[in-house]
Amino acid sequence: MSSSGAPAPAAAMAVDDAEDDQLASMSTEDIIRASRLLDNEIRVLKDELQRTNLELESFKEKIKENQEKIKLNKQLPYLVGNIVEVHFPCILEIPACDCCLGLI
């Protein structure tokens, strides 16, 4: 095999020769049966590829939605509102307390 993962040309020719010899020794029915098995395997792999592509598109859509939600939640008024609630919780409970009299 070469570094790219494909068989080297000499090795590929040896594999082709072995497959040719195997086909030559098979009966017509065996060749038809092997062809049907290959067709079924191709169909299964195509179905799996289609399912995987649909799943990939679904994940991409979810990622896009989540990125939009993150973008919306990073806006300044949302953050300022949370900071006010954290630093001055008494505004929500007792508006006339000493620490918040100047803010009301």
C-alpha atoms as a PDB file:
ATOM      1  CA  MET A   1       0.000   0.000   0.000  1.00  0.00           C
ATOM      2  CA  SER A   2       1.126   3.522  -0.665  1.00  0.00           C
ATOM      3  CA  SER A   3       1.177   6.261   1.973  1.00  0.00           C
ATOM      4  CA  SER A   4      -2.241   7.535   0.801  1.00  0.00           C
ATOM      5  CA  GLY A   5      -3.913   4.272   1.782  1.00  0.00           C
ATOM      6  CA  ALA A   6      -4.524   3.075  -1.789  1.00  0.00           C
ATOM      7  CA  PRO A   7      -2.853  -0.151  -2.890  1.00  0.00           C
ATOM      8  CA  ALA A   8       0.315   0.199  -4.922  1.00  0.00           C
ATOM      9  CA  PRO A   9      -0.146  -0.412  -8.683  1.00  0.00           C
ATOM     10  CA  ALA A  10       1.623  -3.798  -8.602  1.00  0.00           C
ATOM     11  CA  ALA A  11      -0.398  -4.915  -5.585  1.00  0.00           C
ATOM     12  CA  ALA A  12      -3.620  -3.707  -7.225  1.00  0.00           C
ATOM     13  CA  MET A  13      -2.842  -5.747 -10.328  1.00  0.00           C
ATOM     14  CA  ALA A  14      -2.184  -8.815  -8.170  1.00  0.00           C
ATOM     15  CA  VAL A  15      -5.552  -8.330  -6.448  1.00  0.00           C
ATOM     16  CA  ASP A  16      -7.263  -7.906  -9.828  1.00  0.00           C
ATOM     17  CA  ASP A  17      -5.632 -11.115 -11.093  1.00  0.00           C
ATOM     18  CA  ALA A  18      -6.781 -12.994  -7.986  1.00  0.00           C
ATOM     19  CA  GLU A  19     -10.337 -11.693  -8.451  1.00  0.00           C
ATOM     20  CA  ASP A  20     -10.260 -12.663 -12.145  1.00  0.00           C
ATOM     21  CA  ASP A  21      -9.143 -16.186 -11.229  1.00  0.00           C
ATOM     22  CA  GLN A  22     -11.867 -16.405  -8.591  1.00  0.00           C
ATOM     23  CA  LEU A  23     -14.538 -15.249 -11.069  1.00  0.00           C
ATOM     24  CA  ALA A  24     -13.295 -17.711 -13.687  1.00  0.00           C
ATOM     25  CA  SER A  25     -13.753 -20.601 -11.271  1.00  0.00           C
ATOM     26  CA  MET A  26     -17.312 -19.565 -10.272  1.00  0.00           C
ATOM     27  CA  SER A  27     -20.471 -20.812 -11.927  1.00  0.00           C
ATOM     28  CA  THR A  28     -22.959 -18.410 -13.503  1.00  0.00           C
ATOM     29  CA  GLU A  29     -25.321 -18.781 -10.544  1.00  0.00           C
ATOM     30  CA  ASP A  30     -22.504 -18.026  -8.107  1.00  0.00           C
ATOM     31  CA  ILE A  31     -21.577 -14.888 -10.051  1.00  0.00           C
ATOM     32  CA  ILE A  32     -25.215 -13.739 -10.091  1.00  0.00           C
ATOM     33  CA  ARG A  33     -25.496 -14.433  -6.350  1.00  0.00           C
ATOM     34  CA  ALA A  34     -22.281 -12.493  -5.642  1.00  0.00           C
ATOM     35  CA  SER A  35     -23.548  -9.639  -7.812  1.00  0.00           C
ATOM     36  CA  ARG A  36     -26.822  -9.505  -5.853  1.00  0.00           C
ATOM     37  CA  LEU A  37     -24.913  -9.518  -2.574  1.00  0.00           C
ATOM     38  CA  LEU A  38     -22.818  -6.594  -3.793  1.00  0.00           C
ATOM     39  CA  ASP A  39     -25.956  -4.745  -4.963  1.00  0.00           C
ATOM     40  CA  ASN A  40     -27.567  -5.256  -1.553  1.00  0.00           C
ATOM     41  CA  GLU A  41     -24.437  -4.060   0.221  1.00  0.00           C
ATOM     42  CA  ILE A  42     -24.306  -0.971  -2.015  1.00  0.00           C
ATOM     43  CA  ARG A  43     -27.969  -0.223  -1.248  1.00  0.00           C
ATOM     44  CA  VAL A  44     -27.396  -0.600   2.504  1.00  0.00           C
ATOM     45  CA  LEU A  45     -24.333   1.639   2.383  1.00  0.00           C
ATOM     46  CA  LYS A  46     -26.208   4.284   0.352  1.00  0.00           C
ATOM     47  CA  ASP A  47     -29.050   4.222   2.895  1.00  0.00           C
ATOM     48  CA  GLU A  48     -26.563   4.590   5.732  1.00  0.00           C
ATOM     49  CA  LEU A  49     -24.841   7.462   3.926  1.00  0.00           C
ATOM     50  CA  GLN A  50     -28.172   9.224   3.403  1.00  0.00           C
ATOM     51  CA  ARG A  51     -29.129   8.739   7.062  1.00  0.00           C
ATOM     52  CA  THR A  52     -25.742  10.022   8.195  1.00  0.00           C
ATOM     53  CA  ASN A  53     -26.026  13.077   5.928  1.00  0.00           C
ATOM     54  CA  LEU A  54     -29.484  13.873   7.324  1.00  0.00           C
ATOM     55  CA  GLU A  55     -28.135  13.513  10.851  1.00  0.00           C
ATOM     56  CA  LEU A  56     -25.225  15.808   9.967  1.00  0.00           C
ATOM     57  CA  GLU A  57     -27.619  18.451   8.604  1.00  0.00           C
ATOM     58  CA  SER A  58     -29.687  18.169  11.789  1.00  0.00           C
ATOM     59  CA  PHE A  59     -26.588  18.708  13.935  1.00  0.00           C
ATOM     60  CA  LYS A  60     -25.540  21.686  11.813  1.00  0.00           C
ATOM     61  CA  GLU A  61     -28.998  23.236  12.273  1.00  0.00           C
ATOM     62  CA  LYS A  62     -28.859  22.691  16.047  1.00  0.00           C
ATOM     63  CA  ILE A  63     -25.400  24.273  16.186  1.00  0.00           C
ATOM     64  CA  LYS A  64     -26.654  27.271  14.218  1.00  0.00           C
ATOM     65  CA  GLU A  65     -29.660  27.691  16.549  1.00  0.00           C
ATOM     66  CA  ASN A  66     -27.453  27.438  19.634  1.00  0.00           C
ATOM     67  CA  GLN A  67     -25.004  29.993  18.242  1.00  0.00           C
ATOM     68  CA  GLU A  68     -27.911  32.394  17.656  1.00  0.00           C
ATOM     69  CA  LYS A  69     -29.130  31.851  21.226  1.00  0.00           C
ATOM     70  CA  ILE A  70     -25.638  32.543  22.565  1.00  0.00           C
ATOM     71  CA  LYS A  71     -25.429  35.695  20.460  1.00  0.00           C
ATOM     72  CA  LEU A  72     -28.800  36.918  21.805  1.00  0.00           C
ATOM     73  CA  ASN A  73     -27.874  36.162  25.410  1.00  0.00           C
ATOM     74  CA  LYS A  74     -24.611  38.114  25.135  1.00  0.00           C
ATOM     75  CA  GLN A  75     -26.434  41.393  24.530  1.00  0.00           C
ATOM     76  CA  LEU A  76     -25.706  44.166  27.048  1.00  0.00           C
ATOM     77  CA  PRO A  77     -29.151  44.761  28.643  1.00  0.00           C
ATOM     78  CA  TYR A  78     -29.346  41.117  29.675  1.00  0.00           C
ATOM     79  CA  LEU A  79     -25.924  41.305  31.338  1.00  0.00           C
ATOM     80  CA  VAL A  80     -26.602  44.655  33.032  1.00  0.00           C
ATOM     81  CA  GLY A  81     -29.877  43.342  34.423  1.00  0.00           C
ATOM     82  CA  ASN A  82     -28.110  40.402  35.970  1.00  0.00           C
ATOM     83  CA  ILE A  83     -25.385  42.601  37.453  1.00  0.00           C
ATOM     84  CA  VAL A  84     -27.967  44.870  39.120  1.00  0.00           C
ATOM     85  CA  GLU A  85     -29.724  41.862  40.601  1.00  0.00           C
ATOM     86  CA  VAL A  86     -26.458  40.446  41.947  1.00  0.00           C
ATOM     87  CA  HIS A  87     -25.065  43.691  43.422  1.00  0.00           C
ATOM     88  CA  PHE A  88     -28.317  45.133  44.732  1.00  0.00           C
ATOM     89  CA  PRO A  89     -30.626  42.245  45.604  1.00  0.00           C
ATOM     90  CA  CYS A  90     -32.377  44.376  48.202  1.00  0.00           C
ATOM     91  CA  ILE A  91     -34.000  46.483  45.433  1.00  0.00           C
ATOM     92  CA  LEU A  92     -36.173  43.512  44.658  1.00  0.00           C
ATOM     93  CA  GLU A  93     -37.026  42.751  48.283  1.00  0.00           C
ATOM     94  CA  ILE A  94     -36.998  45.938  50.393  1.00  0.00           C
ATOM     95  CA  PRO A  95     -36.846  49.106  48.288  1.00  0.00           C
ATOM     96  CA  ALA A  96     -36.280  51.416  51.268  1.00  0.00           C
ATOM     97  CA  CYS A  97     -33.135  49.800  52.706  1.00  0.00           C
ATOM     98  CA  ASP A  98     -30.053  51.941  53.443  1.00  0.00           C
ATOM     99  CA  CYS A  99     -27.786  50.493  50.748  1.00  0.00           C
ATOM    100  CA  CYS A 100     -30.171  51.233  47.879  1.00  0.00           C
ATOM    101  CA  LEU A 101     -31.787  54.561  48.848  1.00  0.00           C
ATOM    102  CA  GLY A 102     -29.743  56.482  46.293  1.00  0.00           C
ATOM    103  CA  LEU A 103     -30.655  54.101  43.442  1.00  0.00           C
ATOM    104  CA  ILE A 104     -34.423  54.378  43.630  1.00  0.00           C
END
